Each structure stands twice: as C-alpha cells, then as structure tokens.
Amino acid sequence: MTRSAVIVNPAKVLDLDGRRRELCDALAAAGWPEPLWLPTTPEDSGCGMAEAALAAGVEVVLVCGGDGTVMAVAGVLAGTGVAVALIPSGTGNLLAANLGIPHDVAAAIAVAVGGERRRIDVGVVAGAGTFTVMAGMGFDAAMVGETPDEAKRRFGWGAYAASGLRNLTRHRMAVRIRLDGGRWLHRRASSVLIANVGRLQGGIRLLPDAAPDDGLLDVAVLAPRHLSDWVRLAGGVLLQRDGAHQLETFRARTVEILASRDEPRELDGDVIAPARRLAAEIRPGALTLCVPRA
C-alpha cells in the first residue's frame, strides 16, 4: 500500500471538494490509503506542505496546481527519492506537457498510480530557488509579470498575448553570459532563457534538443530588435528551421548572466525580484517523477 499526499493549490481548482473526492476515490480504487490533503496558502505556495508530506513518510506526492506549485514542491523533494505526480491544474502546466502527462485529471491520476518513475534534473538559481521548466531574464519575465491572474484563469496561456505584445518593443539588454566558468560572451538580447525542457505554451518547441534528464541546461538568447525580427524568429521556431533568426542557443551545466541594469526575472512562470544577475546550475537526476509508461 502506497502512502501518498495531495498538495493542492485552491486558486487553481474550481471545485475543490469535487477534486478531492475524485482523487481519493481513484486512489482508493487502486488500493492506496486515503492521502494527506495539504492545501497551499497565499503565504506558502507549497514548500511547507512538501515538508509536512516528507515528515509524514509518504512515498508519492500528488501536486494539483500549476508550474509554480510544482516548483515549490520540487525544491523540497529534490534529492529525497519521494516521487512527485503531476495533476495539471494551472495556466501553463509546462513540465507536464513536456513529459507527456495528460491534462485530464483521471488520466493524470492513472499515471500517478500505474506509471513509471523517471528521475529528472532540476535547475537551481542562486538566491532564488529551484526550477523544473526554465528561468528567464528580460522580455519573458516582463510579460509574465504584467499578466493579471484573473486573465490567466479566464484565458489560460493565451492571457500572455496582450502583455507580450506590449513588451515586443522594450529595449534590449546588454548582457554578459558565462557558461561553465568559461569566457564571457557579450550580447544584446530581448530575453535570455535557461531551460530544463524545450517546449513552451501552445506546444511551441523553442529548444527541440532539450531533455529534462541530460544533466545540462539549455540556454536561449533571443535578440529581436524590431517587430519584423520577432516575426522572423517566430517563423523559424515554428517551422523548426536551423539557424532561426535572432535566436542563439548554448548548453552548459552552469550559466551566469550579468545585465547592465536591473531586469525582470522569473522562475517557472513566477516572477522574482528584478536584478542584474541570474545564475543557475543543474542538479542531475535530483527529482523523481511519475510519468506515462513508454
């Protein structure tokens, strides 16, 4: 019998009582005892709940929320061996999408109960926390920060479109980038992304070679200057053409970005304090996830 806990973000679930019944009934049907039920709060996005689950000795933690909730839980459970099962309930659900975990609740629970266990990497940003999808500085963080939560609830990932359009013409950053402690690379960029996976909202594959268990971070430097540059970049990414205009990619175990001024920053779609620096390193195979059987 597998002991489990459910960490749920009430802001991401319309019918909380109904979701609880659905989860408990499905786990009972699989022969699992009733799980611990641990709702997040506005003050704690999941870290304290993950610590409580760990202290209770559970084997699997089902995360019913978005990428931000997953990020908080992963930061605690990475390196512990406790498995994380994703029940996608947020706006982006990018980690779930990259790993083929279905959005349907019943199907996601079936993966938690009968799927495989896969160890994936996590990224760690100095002074900020852990990420499972990607960290970013510049355009992407500004877009996320300007998108109201109500719009995300109503329109899903499409809610980012309005703030994205507003930020297309923001000034590019003067940045220095250092990979694995090597020489500094000087660039002017609209955004720099440090990614653990390669798929964005809407199924867009920005970094098609990125894998969550390769022990490497994938870095994307986006450098459009004008609207026409953004159009060419989008076309190159959507059509998966080699050498997409205004996109430069790298791979490394450690990444350090220094900007000439404070810039917006984000981790897995959650805004963190603006700063001139964004530094990340990879923790290979640190997190155990429930994934569909091959």
Protein backbone atom coordinates (compact mmCIF):
# COMPACT_ATOMS: atom_id res chain seq x y z
CA MET A 1 0.00 0.00 0.00
CA THR A 2 1.45 3.32 -1.12
CA ARG A 3 1.22 6.25 1.29
CA SER A 4 0.56 9.50 -0.51
CA ALA A 5 -0.20 13.17 -0.04
CA VAL A 6 -2.03 15.66 -2.24
CA ILE A 7 -0.69 19.21 -2.31
CA VAL A 8 -3.39 21.33 -3.91
CA ASN A 9 -3.46 24.98 -4.87
CA PRO A 10 -7.07 26.06 -4.17
CA ALA A 11 -6.71 29.05 -6.51
CA LYS A 12 -6.21 26.69 -9.46
CA VAL A 13 -9.17 24.36 -8.82
CA LEU A 14 -12.76 25.48 -9.40
CA ASP A 15 -14.47 22.67 -7.45
CA LEU A 16 -12.12 21.82 -4.59
CA ASP A 17 -14.47 19.35 -2.86
CA GLY A 18 -15.19 17.61 -6.14
CA ARG A 19 -11.50 17.34 -6.95
CA ARG A 20 -10.81 15.86 -3.52
CA ARG A 21 -13.50 13.21 -3.96
CA GLU A 22 -12.22 12.36 -7.42
CA LEU A 23 -8.63 11.96 -6.22
CA CYS A 24 -9.49 9.99 -3.09
CA ASP A 25 -11.86 7.66 -4.95
CA ALA A 26 -9.30 6.94 -7.67
CA LEU A 27 -6.54 6.23 -5.15
CA ALA A 28 -8.85 4.01 -3.09
CA ALA A 29 -9.75 2.05 -6.22
CA ALA A 30 -6.02 1.43 -6.73
CA GLY A 31 -5.72 0.11 -3.18
CA TRP A 32 -3.98 3.18 -1.77
CA PRO A 33 -4.99 4.53 1.65
CA GLU A 34 -6.58 7.97 1.88
CA PRO A 35 -3.94 10.61 1.14
CA LEU A 36 -2.92 13.52 3.29
CA TRP A 37 -4.75 16.60 1.99
CA LEU A 38 -2.49 19.67 2.12
CA PRO A 39 -3.84 22.90 0.56
CA THR A 40 -1.38 25.69 -0.20
CA THR A 41 -1.94 29.21 1.12
CA PRO A 42 -1.22 32.71 -0.20
CA GLU A 43 1.72 32.81 2.22
CA ASP A 44 3.10 29.34 1.33
CA SER A 45 2.97 28.13 -2.27
CA GLY A 46 3.86 24.54 -1.36
CA CYS A 47 7.19 24.36 0.49
CA GLY A 48 5.68 23.87 3.94
CA MET A 49 3.21 21.32 2.61
CA ALA A 50 6.00 19.34 0.95
CA GLU A 51 7.96 19.38 4.21
CA ALA A 52 4.88 18.08 6.06
CA ALA A 53 4.44 15.29 3.50
CA LEU A 54 8.09 14.36 3.81
CA ALA A 55 7.87 14.30 7.61
CA ALA A 56 4.81 12.01 7.37
CA GLY A 57 6.86 9.47 5.40
CA VAL A 58 4.79 9.44 2.21
CA GLU A 59 6.10 7.75 -0.93
CA VAL A 60 4.26 9.80 -3.56
CA VAL A 61 3.16 13.45 -3.53
CA LEU A 62 0.44 14.39 -6.00
CA VAL A 63 0.71 18.06 -6.94
CA CYS A 64 -2.59 19.58 -8.02
CA GLY A 65 -1.63 23.03 -9.24
CA GLY A 66 0.39 24.90 -11.83
CA ASP A 67 4.11 25.13 -12.53
CA GLY A 68 4.63 27.49 -9.60
CA THR A 69 3.22 24.93 -7.15
CA VAL A 70 5.30 22.18 -8.76
CA MET A 71 8.40 24.37 -8.44
CA ALA A 72 7.81 24.94 -4.71
CA VAL A 73 7.27 21.23 -4.04
CA ALA A 74 10.24 20.18 -6.18
CA GLY A 75 12.53 22.49 -4.25
CA VAL A 76 11.81 20.47 -1.09
CA LEU A 77 11.55 16.95 -2.53
CA ALA A 78 14.55 17.08 -4.90
CA GLY A 79 17.15 14.63 -3.66
CA THR A 80 14.79 12.81 -1.27
CA GLY A 81 13.59 9.96 -3.51
CA VAL A 82 9.93 10.78 -2.83
CA ALA A 83 8.07 10.63 -6.14
CA VAL A 84 6.08 13.59 -7.49
CA ALA A 85 2.94 13.03 -9.55
CA LEU A 86 1.57 15.94 -11.54
CA ILE A 87 -2.18 16.64 -11.70
CA PRO A 88 -2.08 19.64 -14.07
CA SER A 89 -4.34 22.45 -12.89
CA GLY A 90 -2.60 25.72 -13.75
CA THR A 91 -2.19 28.02 -16.73
CA GLY A 92 0.90 26.66 -18.41
CA ASN A 93 1.49 23.19 -16.94
CA LEU A 94 4.70 23.17 -18.95
CA LEU A 95 6.51 20.41 -17.07
CA ALA A 96 3.53 18.10 -17.53
CA ALA A 97 3.28 18.97 -21.23
CA ASN A 98 6.98 18.30 -21.80
CA LEU A 99 6.72 14.88 -20.14
CA GLY A 100 3.50 13.77 -21.83
CA ILE A 101 1.41 13.84 -18.66
CA PRO A 102 -2.26 14.30 -19.64
CA HIS A 103 -4.27 17.31 -18.54
CA ASP A 104 -7.33 15.15 -17.86
CA VAL A 105 -7.48 14.56 -14.10
CA ALA A 106 -8.47 10.89 -14.26
CA ALA A 107 -5.73 10.13 -16.78
CA ALA A 108 -3.16 12.00 -14.71
CA ILE A 109 -4.13 10.03 -11.61
CA ALA A 110 -3.73 6.82 -13.63
CA VAL A 111 -0.16 7.90 -14.39
CA ALA A 112 0.46 8.53 -10.69
CA VAL A 113 -0.81 5.08 -9.78
CA GLY A 114 0.40 2.95 -12.66
CA GLY A 115 3.04 4.94 -14.50
CA GLU A 116 6.81 4.68 -14.43
CA ARG A 117 9.25 6.58 -12.25
CA ARG A 118 11.69 8.87 -14.05
CA ARG A 119 14.49 10.86 -12.49
CA ILE A 120 14.82 14.33 -13.98
CA ASP A 121 17.19 17.23 -13.48
CA VAL A 122 16.30 20.42 -11.68
CA GLY A 123 17.87 23.85 -12.02
CA VAL A 124 18.92 25.94 -9.05
CA VAL A 125 19.14 29.73 -9.22
CA ALA A 126 21.44 31.32 -6.67
CA GLY A 127 19.46 33.18 -4.03
CA ALA A 128 16.07 32.40 -5.59
CA GLY A 129 15.24 28.68 -5.58
CA THR A 130 14.70 25.64 -7.78
CA PHE A 131 13.09 25.42 -11.20
CA THR A 132 11.93 22.45 -13.24
CA VAL A 133 10.98 24.20 -16.50
CA MET A 134 13.04 27.35 -17.04
CA ALA A 135 14.38 30.57 -15.59
CA GLY A 136 14.37 33.79 -17.57
CA MET A 137 15.52 37.38 -17.64
CA GLY A 138 14.11 40.18 -19.78
CA PHE A 139 11.12 40.02 -22.12
CA ASP A 140 9.64 36.74 -20.84
CA ALA A 141 9.72 37.85 -17.19
CA ALA A 142 8.21 41.25 -18.06
CA MET A 143 5.41 39.50 -19.98
CA VAL A 144 4.66 37.14 -17.08
CA GLY A 145 4.76 39.91 -14.51
CA GLU A 146 2.28 42.10 -16.39
CA THR A 147 -0.32 39.37 -16.95
CA PRO A 148 -3.13 39.55 -14.34
CA ASP A 149 -4.02 36.33 -12.51
CA GLU A 150 -7.68 36.78 -13.41
CA ALA A 151 -6.79 36.85 -17.11
CA LYS A 152 -4.77 33.66 -16.73
CA ARG A 153 -7.71 31.94 -15.04
CA ARG A 154 -10.10 33.02 -17.80
CA PHE A 155 -7.97 32.63 -20.92
CA GLY A 156 -5.19 30.17 -19.99
CA TRP A 157 -1.83 30.66 -21.66
CA GLY A 158 -3.48 32.94 -24.23
CA ALA A 159 -3.68 35.59 -21.48
CA TYR A 160 0.00 36.30 -22.01
CA ALA A 161 -0.63 37.60 -25.53
CA ALA A 162 -1.58 41.17 -24.57
CA SER A 163 1.38 41.75 -22.26
CA GLY A 164 3.65 40.01 -24.76
CA LEU A 165 2.62 42.42 -27.50
CA ARG A 166 3.20 45.39 -25.20
CA ASN A 167 6.74 44.22 -24.48
CA LEU A 168 7.82 43.41 -28.03
CA THR A 169 9.38 46.83 -28.39
CA ARG A 170 11.08 47.04 -24.97
CA HIS A 171 14.77 47.93 -25.15
CA ARG A 172 17.16 45.05 -25.49
CA MET A 173 19.52 44.26 -22.63
CA ALA A 174 23.27 44.49 -22.76
CA VAL A 175 24.29 41.20 -21.17
CA ARG A 176 27.34 39.10 -20.49
CA ILE A 177 26.91 35.32 -20.42
CA ARG A 178 29.34 32.79 -18.97
CA LEU A 179 28.97 29.05 -19.49
CA ASP A 180 30.68 26.51 -17.21
CA GLY A 181 33.03 29.18 -15.91
CA GLY A 182 34.45 29.96 -19.37
CA ARG A 183 34.99 33.28 -21.09
CA TRP A 184 32.31 35.95 -21.05
CA LEU A 185 30.10 36.26 -24.13
CA HIS A 186 28.80 39.77 -24.83
CA ARG A 187 25.32 40.05 -26.35
CA ARG A 188 22.37 42.41 -26.75
CA ALA A 189 19.21 40.44 -26.07
CA SER A 190 15.49 40.86 -25.52
CA SER A 191 15.44 37.78 -23.32
CA VAL A 192 17.75 35.06 -22.03
CA LEU A 193 16.19 31.74 -21.02
CA ILE A 194 17.85 28.99 -19.01
CA ALA A 195 15.80 25.87 -19.69
CA ASN A 196 15.48 22.34 -18.38
CA VAL A 197 12.90 21.45 -21.06
CA GLY A 198 12.29 22.84 -24.53
CA ARG A 199 8.53 23.14 -25.05
CA LEU A 200 6.69 26.43 -24.41
CA GLN A 201 3.00 27.32 -24.23
CA GLY A 202 0.95 26.18 -27.17
CA GLY A 203 3.33 23.31 -27.89
CA ILE A 204 6.00 25.62 -29.34
CA ARG A 205 9.37 23.85 -29.27
CA LEU A 206 11.89 26.61 -28.70
CA LEU A 207 14.68 24.16 -27.79
CA PRO A 208 13.87 20.87 -29.52
CA ASP A 209 17.02 19.11 -28.30
CA ALA A 210 16.47 19.94 -24.62
CA ALA A 211 15.85 16.93 -22.37
CA PRO A 212 14.97 17.02 -18.67
CA ASP A 213 17.39 14.22 -17.80
CA ASP A 214 20.53 15.01 -19.80
CA GLY A 215 22.41 16.75 -16.98
CA LEU A 216 22.56 20.01 -18.94
CA LEU A 217 20.82 23.38 -19.05
CA ASP A 218 19.81 24.73 -22.45
CA VAL A 219 20.30 28.46 -22.93
CA ALA A 220 18.34 30.51 -25.46
CA VAL A 221 19.39 34.07 -26.26
CA LEU A 222 16.58 35.90 -28.07
CA ALA A 223 17.75 39.08 -29.76
CA PRO A 224 14.94 40.58 -31.91
CA ARG A 225 15.16 44.34 -32.23
CA HIS A 226 12.14 45.22 -34.35
CA LEU A 227 8.71 43.71 -34.89
CA SER A 228 9.90 42.20 -38.19
CA ASP A 229 12.67 40.41 -36.28
CA TRP A 230 10.09 38.88 -33.94
CA VAL A 231 8.08 37.67 -36.93
CA ARG A 232 11.16 36.01 -38.47
CA LEU A 233 12.09 34.47 -35.14
CA ALA A 234 8.58 33.08 -34.63
CA GLY A 235 8.56 31.64 -38.14
CA GLY A 236 11.94 29.98 -37.67
CA VAL A 237 10.92 28.43 -34.35
CA LEU A 238 7.50 27.25 -35.54
CA LEU A 239 8.93 25.70 -38.71
CA GLN A 240 11.93 24.29 -36.81
CA ARG A 241 14.38 25.77 -39.27
CA ASP A 242 18.06 25.57 -38.47
CA GLY A 243 19.57 28.91 -37.62
CA ALA A 244 16.31 30.65 -36.72
CA HIS A 245 16.84 34.39 -36.99
CA GLN A 246 17.63 36.22 -33.76
CA LEU A 247 18.00 33.02 -31.71
CA GLU A 248 21.27 31.69 -30.35
CA THR A 249 21.48 28.55 -28.20
CA PHE A 250 24.04 27.00 -25.87
CA ARG A 251 24.26 24.10 -23.41
CA ALA A 252 26.08 24.05 -20.09
CA ARG A 253 26.00 22.80 -16.51
CA THR A 254 26.34 26.27 -15.02
CA VAL A 255 25.14 29.55 -16.51
CA GLU A 256 25.75 33.10 -15.32
CA ILE A 257 24.06 36.16 -16.84
CA LEU A 258 25.02 39.73 -15.98
CA ALA A 259 22.97 42.64 -17.31
CA SER A 260 23.91 46.32 -17.39
CA ARG A 261 20.83 47.21 -15.32
CA ASP A 262 18.22 45.54 -13.12
CA GLU A 263 15.97 43.38 -15.29
CA PRO A 264 12.74 41.42 -14.68
CA ARG A 265 13.34 37.76 -13.77
CA GLU A 266 11.15 34.68 -13.46
CA LEU A 267 11.31 31.03 -12.40
CA ASP A 268 8.79 28.60 -13.90
CA GLY A 269 6.39 31.46 -14.60
CA ASP A 270 6.66 33.03 -11.14
CA VAL A 271 8.19 36.50 -11.01
CA ILE A 272 11.16 37.01 -8.68
CA ALA A 273 12.85 40.26 -7.73
CA PRO A 274 14.47 42.20 -10.61
CA ALA A 275 18.26 42.14 -10.56
CA ARG A 276 21.30 42.48 -12.78
CA ARG A 277 22.35 38.84 -12.27
CA LEU A 278 20.81 35.46 -12.97
CA ALA A 279 23.00 32.44 -12.21
CA ALA A 280 21.89 28.81 -12.42
CA GLU A 281 23.33 25.32 -12.11
CA ILE A 282 21.95 21.86 -12.82
CA ARG A 283 21.26 19.13 -10.27
CA PRO A 284 21.23 15.98 -12.41
CA GLY A 285 18.56 13.37 -11.67
CA ALA A 286 17.52 15.07 -8.44
CA LEU A 287 13.73 14.73 -8.77
CA THR A 288 11.69 11.54 -9.18
CA LEU A 289 8.54 11.97 -11.28
CA CYS A 290 5.62 9.71 -12.16
CA VAL A 291 5.41 9.59 -15.97
CA PRO A 292 3.40 7.59 -18.53
CA ARG A 293 4.74 4.16 -19.36
CA ALA A 294 6.70 4.03 -22.60
